[in-house]
N, C-alpha and C. Protein backbone atom coordinates (compact mmCIF):
# COMPACT_ATOMS: atom_id res chain seq x y z
N MET A 1 -15.74 4.55 13.46
CA MET A 1 -16.17 3.51 12.64
C MET A 1 -14.98 2.93 11.74
N LYS A 2 -14.29 3.91 11.08
CA LYS A 2 -13.23 3.50 10.21
C LYS A 2 -12.14 2.84 10.97
N LYS A 3 -11.86 3.22 12.22
CA LYS A 3 -10.85 2.59 13.03
C LYS A 3 -11.17 1.09 13.25
N ILE A 4 -12.42 0.79 13.53
CA ILE A 4 -12.83 -0.58 13.75
C ILE A 4 -12.70 -1.39 12.41
N ILE A 5 -13.12 -0.78 11.30
CA ILE A 5 -13.02 -1.44 10.01
C ILE A 5 -11.58 -1.66 9.65
N LEU A 6 -10.74 -0.63 9.87
CA LEU A 6 -9.27 -0.80 9.59
C LEU A 6 -8.68 -1.91 10.35
N LYS A 7 -9.04 -2.02 11.63
CA LYS A 7 -8.50 -3.09 12.46
C LYS A 7 -8.93 -4.47 11.92
N LYS A 8 -10.22 -4.55 11.56
CA LYS A 8 -10.71 -5.79 11.01
C LYS A 8 -9.94 -6.19 9.73
N ILE A 9 -9.78 -5.20 8.87
CA ILE A 9 -9.08 -5.49 7.61
C ILE A 9 -7.62 -5.84 7.81
N ILE A 10 -6.95 -5.12 8.67
CA ILE A 10 -5.55 -5.46 8.93
C ILE A 10 -5.35 -6.81 9.55
N THR A 11 -6.29 -7.17 10.46
CA THR A 11 -6.27 -8.51 11.06
C THR A 11 -6.39 -9.58 9.97
N LYS A 12 -7.31 -9.36 9.05
CA LYS A 12 -7.53 -10.34 7.97
C LYS A 12 -6.27 -10.43 7.06
N ILE A 13 -5.74 -9.27 6.74
CA ILE A 13 -4.51 -9.30 5.88
C ILE A 13 -3.41 -10.12 6.59
N ASN A 14 -3.23 -9.87 7.89
CA ASN A 14 -2.17 -10.52 8.67
C ASN A 14 -2.37 -12.02 8.74
N GLU A 15 -3.61 -12.46 8.81
CA GLU A 15 -3.95 -13.87 8.93
C GLU A 15 -3.97 -14.60 7.56
N CYS A 16 -4.20 -13.82 6.48
CA CYS A 16 -4.39 -14.42 5.20
C CYS A 16 -3.11 -14.63 4.40
N ASN A 17 -2.96 -15.82 3.73
CA ASN A 17 -1.80 -16.06 2.92
C ASN A 17 -2.18 -16.04 1.44
N ASP A 18 -3.36 -15.70 1.17
CA ASP A 18 -3.80 -15.68 -0.25
C ASP A 18 -4.21 -14.26 -0.62
N LEU A 19 -3.46 -13.65 -1.51
CA LEU A 19 -3.70 -12.29 -1.88
C LEU A 19 -5.15 -11.98 -2.36
N ILE A 20 -5.68 -12.85 -3.24
CA ILE A 20 -7.01 -12.61 -3.84
C ILE A 20 -8.09 -12.66 -2.74
N SER A 21 -7.92 -13.61 -1.80
CA SER A 21 -8.87 -13.68 -0.68
C SER A 21 -8.83 -12.41 0.15
N ALA A 22 -7.65 -11.94 0.43
CA ALA A 22 -7.50 -10.70 1.19
C ALA A 22 -8.12 -9.51 0.50
N LEU A 23 -7.88 -9.39 -0.85
CA LEU A 23 -8.43 -8.30 -1.61
C LEU A 23 -9.96 -8.35 -1.65
N GLN A 24 -10.48 -9.56 -1.83
CA GLN A 24 -11.91 -9.67 -1.89
C GLN A 24 -12.58 -9.33 -0.52
N PHE A 25 -11.94 -9.74 0.53
CA PHE A 25 -12.43 -9.39 1.88
C PHE A 25 -12.46 -7.87 2.07
N ILE A 26 -11.39 -7.25 1.61
CA ILE A 26 -11.33 -5.79 1.70
C ILE A 26 -12.49 -5.10 0.92
N CYS A 27 -12.66 -5.53 -0.33
CA CYS A 27 -13.74 -4.98 -1.20
C CYS A 27 -15.10 -5.17 -0.54
N ASN A 28 -15.36 -6.44 -0.15
CA ASN A 28 -16.69 -6.73 0.47
C ASN A 28 -16.89 -5.97 1.76
N THR A 29 -15.89 -5.84 2.55
CA THR A 29 -15.98 -5.13 3.84
C THR A 29 -16.31 -3.66 3.62
N LEU A 30 -15.55 -3.01 2.74
CA LEU A 30 -15.68 -1.56 2.49
C LEU A 30 -17.07 -1.29 1.95
N VAL A 31 -17.53 -2.05 0.96
CA VAL A 31 -18.87 -1.83 0.34
C VAL A 31 -19.97 -2.10 1.37
N SER A 32 -19.83 -3.07 2.17
CA SER A 32 -20.93 -3.41 3.10
C SER A 32 -20.97 -2.55 4.38
N GLU A 33 -19.82 -2.01 4.78
CA GLU A 33 -19.75 -1.33 6.03
C GLU A 33 -19.55 0.14 5.99
N LEU A 34 -19.26 0.71 4.83
CA LEU A 34 -19.10 2.15 4.74
C LEU A 34 -20.09 2.80 3.72
N GLU A 35 -20.93 3.60 4.28
CA GLU A 35 -21.90 4.29 3.40
C GLU A 35 -21.15 5.15 2.37
N GLY A 36 -21.56 5.09 1.11
CA GLY A 36 -20.95 5.83 0.09
C GLY A 36 -19.82 5.16 -0.60
N TYR A 37 -19.38 4.04 -0.11
CA TYR A 37 -18.37 3.16 -0.84
C TYR A 37 -19.18 2.20 -1.62
N ASP A 38 -19.59 2.64 -2.81
CA ASP A 38 -20.60 1.87 -3.60
C ASP A 38 -19.88 0.80 -4.51
N TRP A 39 -18.69 1.06 -4.94
CA TRP A 39 -17.93 0.10 -5.71
C TRP A 39 -16.54 0.19 -5.31
N VAL A 40 -15.90 -0.98 -4.97
CA VAL A 40 -14.50 -0.98 -4.59
C VAL A 40 -13.81 -2.08 -5.44
N GLY A 41 -12.66 -1.75 -5.97
CA GLY A 41 -11.93 -2.72 -6.72
C GLY A 41 -10.43 -2.45 -6.66
N PHE A 42 -9.71 -3.51 -6.96
CA PHE A 42 -8.21 -3.43 -7.06
C PHE A 42 -7.80 -3.70 -8.45
N TYR A 43 -6.98 -2.81 -8.99
CA TYR A 43 -6.36 -2.97 -10.29
C TYR A 43 -4.88 -3.14 -10.07
N PHE A 44 -4.26 -3.99 -10.89
CA PHE A 44 -2.83 -4.20 -10.81
C PHE A 44 -2.23 -4.00 -12.25
N HIS A 45 -0.96 -3.55 -12.17
CA HIS A 45 -0.28 -3.17 -13.45
C HIS A 45 0.21 -4.39 -14.17
N ASP A 46 0.03 -4.31 -15.54
CA ASP A 46 0.70 -5.16 -16.48
C ASP A 46 1.63 -4.23 -17.22
N GLN A 47 2.93 -4.22 -16.85
CA GLN A 47 3.84 -3.26 -17.43
C GLN A 47 4.07 -3.52 -18.92
N LYS A 48 4.04 -4.81 -19.36
CA LYS A 48 4.24 -5.08 -20.77
C LYS A 48 3.15 -4.44 -21.64
N LYS A 49 1.95 -4.62 -21.24
CA LYS A 49 0.82 -4.04 -21.98
C LYS A 49 0.51 -2.63 -21.66
N ARG A 50 1.16 -2.12 -20.56
CA ARG A 50 0.89 -0.72 -20.11
C ARG A 50 -0.64 -0.57 -19.81
N GLU A 51 -1.16 -1.50 -19.02
CA GLU A 51 -2.53 -1.41 -18.62
C GLU A 51 -2.74 -1.94 -17.21
N LEU A 52 -3.93 -1.58 -16.69
CA LEU A 52 -4.33 -2.04 -15.38
C LEU A 52 -5.32 -3.20 -15.57
N ASN A 53 -5.21 -4.25 -14.78
CA ASN A 53 -6.07 -5.38 -14.82
C ASN A 53 -6.85 -5.51 -13.54
N LEU A 54 -8.19 -5.58 -13.60
CA LEU A 54 -9.03 -5.67 -12.49
C LEU A 54 -8.84 -7.04 -11.80
N SER A 55 -8.65 -6.97 -10.50
CA SER A 55 -8.52 -8.22 -9.71
C SER A 55 -9.85 -8.34 -8.93
N ALA A 56 -9.87 -8.25 -7.61
CA ALA A 56 -11.05 -8.36 -6.84
C ALA A 56 -11.82 -7.08 -6.85
N PHE A 57 -13.18 -7.22 -6.79
CA PHE A 57 -14.02 -6.00 -6.67
C PHE A 57 -15.38 -6.41 -5.94
N ALA A 58 -16.03 -5.41 -5.48
CA ALA A 58 -17.39 -5.56 -4.96
C ALA A 58 -18.24 -4.40 -5.41
N GLY A 59 -19.43 -4.67 -5.73
CA GLY A 59 -20.37 -3.64 -6.31
C GLY A 59 -20.86 -4.12 -7.64
N LEU A 60 -21.46 -3.23 -8.37
CA LEU A 60 -22.01 -3.60 -9.71
C LEU A 60 -20.93 -4.03 -10.64
N GLU A 61 -21.26 -4.98 -11.50
CA GLU A 61 -20.35 -5.47 -12.55
C GLU A 61 -19.86 -4.29 -13.34
N THR A 62 -18.59 -4.36 -13.79
CA THR A 62 -18.01 -3.31 -14.70
C THR A 62 -17.48 -3.92 -15.95
N GLU A 63 -17.55 -3.18 -17.02
CA GLU A 63 -16.94 -3.68 -18.27
C GLU A 63 -15.48 -3.25 -18.34
N HIS A 64 -15.06 -2.43 -17.39
CA HIS A 64 -13.64 -1.91 -17.39
C HIS A 64 -12.71 -2.89 -16.58
N LYS A 65 -12.48 -4.01 -17.20
CA LYS A 65 -11.59 -5.01 -16.59
C LYS A 65 -10.15 -4.71 -16.87
N ASN A 66 -9.88 -4.00 -17.95
CA ASN A 66 -8.54 -3.56 -18.36
C ASN A 66 -8.61 -2.09 -18.73
N ILE A 67 -7.70 -1.33 -18.17
CA ILE A 67 -7.62 0.13 -18.44
C ILE A 67 -6.21 0.50 -18.82
N LYS A 68 -6.05 1.08 -19.96
CA LYS A 68 -4.74 1.51 -20.45
C LYS A 68 -4.17 2.66 -19.52
N PHE A 69 -2.88 2.59 -19.29
CA PHE A 69 -2.22 3.66 -18.57
C PHE A 69 -2.55 5.01 -19.20
N GLY A 70 -2.89 5.98 -18.41
CA GLY A 70 -3.17 7.31 -18.86
C GLY A 70 -4.68 7.56 -19.17
N LYS A 71 -5.47 6.48 -19.22
CA LYS A 71 -6.89 6.63 -19.52
C LYS A 71 -7.72 6.61 -18.24
N GLY A 72 -8.56 7.58 -18.08
CA GLY A 72 -9.42 7.67 -16.91
C GLY A 72 -8.63 8.05 -15.70
N ILE A 73 -9.30 8.10 -14.59
CA ILE A 73 -8.70 8.48 -13.31
C ILE A 73 -7.70 7.32 -12.89
N CYS A 74 -8.12 6.14 -13.09
CA CYS A 74 -7.22 5.00 -12.72
C CYS A 74 -5.95 5.00 -13.57
N GLY A 75 -6.11 5.21 -14.86
CA GLY A 75 -4.92 5.17 -15.74
C GLY A 75 -4.01 6.38 -15.45
N HIS A 76 -4.64 7.48 -15.04
CA HIS A 76 -3.87 8.68 -14.67
C HIS A 76 -2.99 8.37 -13.43
N THR A 77 -3.63 7.70 -12.42
CA THR A 77 -2.90 7.38 -11.19
C THR A 77 -1.73 6.38 -11.46
N ALA A 78 -1.99 5.50 -12.44
CA ALA A 78 -0.94 4.53 -12.78
C ALA A 78 0.31 5.26 -13.29
N GLU A 79 0.11 6.34 -14.00
CA GLU A 79 1.26 7.09 -14.54
C GLU A 79 1.81 8.14 -13.57
N SER A 80 0.91 8.78 -12.83
CA SER A 80 1.35 9.90 -11.97
C SER A 80 1.97 9.39 -10.65
N ASN A 81 1.58 8.18 -10.25
CA ASN A 81 2.00 7.61 -8.96
C ASN A 81 1.41 8.37 -7.77
N LYS A 82 0.35 9.14 -8.01
CA LYS A 82 -0.26 9.94 -6.97
C LYS A 82 -1.73 9.58 -6.78
N PRO A 83 -2.23 9.66 -5.60
CA PRO A 83 -3.66 9.46 -5.38
C PRO A 83 -4.49 10.53 -6.07
N TYR A 84 -5.71 10.21 -6.34
CA TYR A 84 -6.62 11.17 -7.06
C TYR A 84 -7.96 11.13 -6.38
N ILE A 85 -8.51 12.30 -6.04
CA ILE A 85 -9.87 12.39 -5.53
C ILE A 85 -10.67 13.29 -6.42
N SER A 86 -11.81 12.79 -6.93
CA SER A 86 -12.68 13.63 -7.68
C SER A 86 -14.00 13.68 -7.01
N GLY A 87 -14.42 14.90 -6.65
CA GLY A 87 -15.68 15.14 -5.98
C GLY A 87 -16.91 15.11 -6.95
N ASP A 88 -16.59 15.28 -8.25
CA ASP A 88 -17.65 15.31 -9.27
C ASP A 88 -17.00 14.78 -10.52
N VAL A 89 -17.19 13.47 -10.79
CA VAL A 89 -16.57 12.83 -12.00
C VAL A 89 -16.98 13.41 -13.32
N SER A 90 -18.19 14.08 -13.33
CA SER A 90 -18.70 14.63 -14.59
C SER A 90 -17.81 15.88 -15.02
N LYS A 91 -17.06 16.40 -14.09
CA LYS A 91 -16.20 17.51 -14.42
C LYS A 91 -14.76 17.04 -14.87
N GLU A 92 -14.52 15.73 -14.86
CA GLU A 92 -13.18 15.22 -15.19
C GLU A 92 -13.16 14.97 -16.72
N SER A 93 -12.22 15.57 -17.39
CA SER A 93 -12.12 15.40 -18.84
C SER A 93 -11.66 14.03 -19.24
N ASN A 94 -10.96 13.32 -18.32
CA ASN A 94 -10.38 12.04 -18.60
C ASN A 94 -11.16 10.89 -17.97
N TYR A 95 -12.37 11.14 -17.44
CA TYR A 95 -13.12 10.13 -16.75
C TYR A 95 -13.68 9.06 -17.66
N ILE A 96 -13.57 7.79 -17.24
CA ILE A 96 -14.18 6.68 -17.91
C ILE A 96 -15.37 6.21 -17.07
N SER A 97 -16.54 6.34 -17.58
CA SER A 97 -17.74 5.97 -16.82
C SER A 97 -17.96 4.49 -16.71
N CYS A 98 -18.01 4.05 -15.48
CA CYS A 98 -18.29 2.62 -15.19
C CYS A 98 -19.79 2.38 -14.98
N ASN A 99 -20.45 3.44 -14.56
CA ASN A 99 -21.82 3.30 -14.09
C ASN A 99 -22.39 4.70 -14.05
N ILE A 100 -23.63 4.96 -14.57
CA ILE A 100 -24.16 6.26 -14.63
C ILE A 100 -24.51 6.84 -13.26
N LEU A 101 -24.55 5.97 -12.23
CA LEU A 101 -24.85 6.43 -10.90
C LEU A 101 -23.67 7.03 -10.18
N VAL A 102 -22.43 6.76 -10.65
CA VAL A 102 -21.20 7.26 -9.95
C VAL A 102 -21.09 8.76 -10.06
N LYS A 103 -20.84 9.39 -8.89
CA LYS A 103 -20.71 10.80 -8.79
C LYS A 103 -19.32 11.25 -8.43
N SER A 104 -18.65 10.43 -7.55
CA SER A 104 -17.29 10.75 -7.14
C SER A 104 -16.43 9.49 -7.04
N GLU A 105 -15.11 9.77 -7.03
CA GLU A 105 -14.18 8.62 -7.06
C GLU A 105 -12.90 8.95 -6.31
N ILE A 106 -12.30 7.94 -5.76
CA ILE A 106 -10.93 8.08 -5.15
C ILE A 106 -10.16 6.89 -5.64
N VAL A 107 -8.88 7.14 -6.04
CA VAL A 107 -7.97 6.11 -6.46
C VAL A 107 -6.65 6.35 -5.69
N VAL A 108 -6.16 5.27 -5.04
CA VAL A 108 -4.98 5.29 -4.23
C VAL A 108 -4.03 4.24 -4.62
N PRO A 109 -2.81 4.66 -5.06
CA PRO A 109 -1.84 3.66 -5.52
C PRO A 109 -1.29 2.75 -4.43
N ILE A 110 -0.88 1.57 -4.91
CA ILE A 110 -0.25 0.63 -3.99
C ILE A 110 1.21 0.54 -4.48
N PHE A 111 2.14 0.71 -3.51
CA PHE A 111 3.61 0.62 -3.85
C PHE A 111 4.18 -0.61 -3.19
N ASN A 112 5.10 -1.25 -3.92
CA ASN A 112 5.84 -2.35 -3.31
C ASN A 112 6.95 -1.78 -2.36
N ARG A 113 7.77 -2.65 -1.80
CA ARG A 113 8.78 -2.16 -0.88
C ARG A 113 9.82 -1.32 -1.55
N ASN A 114 9.98 -1.42 -2.85
CA ASN A 114 10.95 -0.60 -3.57
C ASN A 114 10.30 0.72 -4.06
N LYS A 115 9.12 0.98 -3.54
CA LYS A 115 8.36 2.24 -3.82
C LYS A 115 7.93 2.29 -5.33
N VAL A 116 7.73 1.12 -5.93
CA VAL A 116 7.25 1.05 -7.32
C VAL A 116 5.75 0.92 -7.27
N ASN A 117 5.04 1.74 -8.02
CA ASN A 117 3.55 1.67 -8.12
C ASN A 117 3.15 0.39 -8.86
N ILE A 118 2.47 -0.55 -8.18
CA ILE A 118 2.20 -1.83 -8.72
C ILE A 118 0.67 -2.00 -8.96
N GLY A 119 -0.11 -1.09 -8.41
CA GLY A 119 -1.54 -1.19 -8.56
C GLY A 119 -2.25 -0.07 -7.79
N GLN A 120 -3.55 -0.33 -7.58
CA GLN A 120 -4.31 0.69 -6.86
C GLN A 120 -5.68 0.18 -6.34
N ILE A 121 -6.18 0.84 -5.39
CA ILE A 121 -7.55 0.58 -4.93
C ILE A 121 -8.35 1.77 -5.56
N ASP A 122 -9.47 1.43 -6.12
CA ASP A 122 -10.39 2.34 -6.80
C ASP A 122 -11.72 2.26 -6.14
N ILE A 123 -12.29 3.42 -5.68
CA ILE A 123 -13.53 3.40 -5.05
C ILE A 123 -14.48 4.45 -5.69
N ASP A 124 -15.65 4.04 -6.04
CA ASP A 124 -16.67 4.92 -6.66
C ASP A 124 -17.81 5.07 -5.62
N SER A 125 -18.37 6.29 -5.70
CA SER A 125 -19.50 6.65 -4.83
C SER A 125 -20.61 7.22 -5.67
N ASN A 126 -21.82 6.90 -5.28
CA ASN A 126 -23.04 7.50 -5.96
C ASN A 126 -23.36 8.84 -5.31
N ASN A 127 -22.49 9.33 -4.48
CA ASN A 127 -22.67 10.67 -3.82
C ASN A 127 -21.60 11.65 -4.32
N TYR A 128 -21.94 12.89 -4.50
CA TYR A 128 -20.95 13.91 -4.82
C TYR A 128 -20.10 14.14 -3.57
N ASN A 129 -18.80 14.49 -3.82
CA ASN A 129 -17.91 14.86 -2.76
C ASN A 129 -17.82 13.89 -1.59
N GLN A 130 -17.91 12.59 -1.90
CA GLN A 130 -17.91 11.56 -0.86
C GLN A 130 -16.57 11.43 -0.19
N PHE A 131 -15.44 11.67 -0.88
CA PHE A 131 -14.15 11.32 -0.35
C PHE A 131 -13.34 12.57 0.13
N SER A 132 -12.62 12.33 1.20
CA SER A 132 -11.79 13.42 1.79
C SER A 132 -10.36 12.86 2.05
N LYS A 133 -9.59 13.78 2.67
CA LYS A 133 -8.22 13.43 3.08
C LYS A 133 -8.26 12.28 4.05
N LYS A 134 -9.32 12.22 4.91
CA LYS A 134 -9.44 11.16 5.87
C LYS A 134 -9.58 9.77 5.16
N ASP A 135 -10.35 9.74 4.09
CA ASP A 135 -10.52 8.55 3.29
C ASP A 135 -9.20 8.16 2.70
N LEU A 136 -8.47 9.15 2.16
CA LEU A 136 -7.14 8.89 1.58
C LEU A 136 -6.20 8.24 2.59
N ILE A 137 -6.16 8.78 3.79
CA ILE A 137 -5.26 8.23 4.84
C ILE A 137 -5.65 6.84 5.22
N PHE A 138 -6.94 6.65 5.37
CA PHE A 138 -7.48 5.32 5.67
C PHE A 138 -7.09 4.29 4.63
N LEU A 139 -7.27 4.65 3.34
CA LEU A 139 -6.95 3.68 2.26
C LEU A 139 -5.43 3.51 2.11
N GLU A 140 -4.65 4.51 2.35
CA GLU A 140 -3.23 4.37 2.31
C GLU A 140 -2.72 3.37 3.39
N LYS A 141 -3.39 3.38 4.52
CA LYS A 141 -3.01 2.47 5.59
C LYS A 141 -3.31 1.00 5.17
N ILE A 142 -4.46 0.80 4.46
CA ILE A 142 -4.80 -0.52 4.01
C ILE A 142 -3.77 -0.96 2.95
N ASN A 143 -3.50 -0.08 1.99
CA ASN A 143 -2.55 -0.42 0.95
C ASN A 143 -1.11 -0.72 1.50
N LEU A 144 -0.71 0.06 2.52
CA LEU A 144 0.58 -0.15 3.09
C LEU A 144 0.67 -1.58 3.75
N ARG A 145 -0.37 -1.96 4.44
CA ARG A 145 -0.42 -3.28 5.05
C ARG A 145 -0.39 -4.38 4.02
N LEU A 146 -1.18 -4.20 2.94
CA LEU A 146 -1.11 -5.14 1.85
C LEU A 146 0.27 -5.27 1.28
N SER A 147 0.91 -4.18 1.04
CA SER A 147 2.22 -4.16 0.45
C SER A 147 3.21 -4.86 1.32
N LYS A 148 3.23 -4.61 2.58
CA LYS A 148 4.13 -5.27 3.52
C LYS A 148 3.95 -6.76 3.56
N LYS A 149 2.71 -7.17 3.42
CA LYS A 149 2.38 -8.60 3.54
C LYS A 149 2.67 -9.34 2.18
N PHE A 150 2.20 -8.75 1.06
CA PHE A 150 2.21 -9.50 -0.20
C PHE A 150 3.23 -9.04 -1.28
N PHE A 151 3.68 -7.79 -1.16
CA PHE A 151 4.50 -7.24 -2.26
C PHE A 151 5.91 -6.82 -1.78
N LYS A 152 6.70 -7.80 -1.62
CA LYS A 152 8.10 -7.59 -1.03
C LYS A 152 9.05 -7.02 -2.05
């Protein structure tokens, strides 16, 4: 299933010349086609303000449009440059709750061609332990294609 979805997403990225349209397509596709991908969003870095700014997303509205570096799982990933998987967000001391239904989360950084972390894809699930290494690899492939197309 993920192979088919990945192919569809990569085809769209290759055909699309507008970053926001590509991001929104990815968000909508992941939420509608993958069970347990209940909220998907892209955050990008504002280095001056040292915060993440929400770009495209699909799922319930969130009040977290801007997240300071170091705050929450997303802010942690912005500083660590490493992906983060939480099987139970209630056990995370640094978790920022977007929605009381969220049980697990995965955040995967996006790097430009110079290997600088410029943003991330953030996915929330209403299921515990939703995300695995397979999800991480799947999302890294999406981010890599985005980077090659839009972040030179």
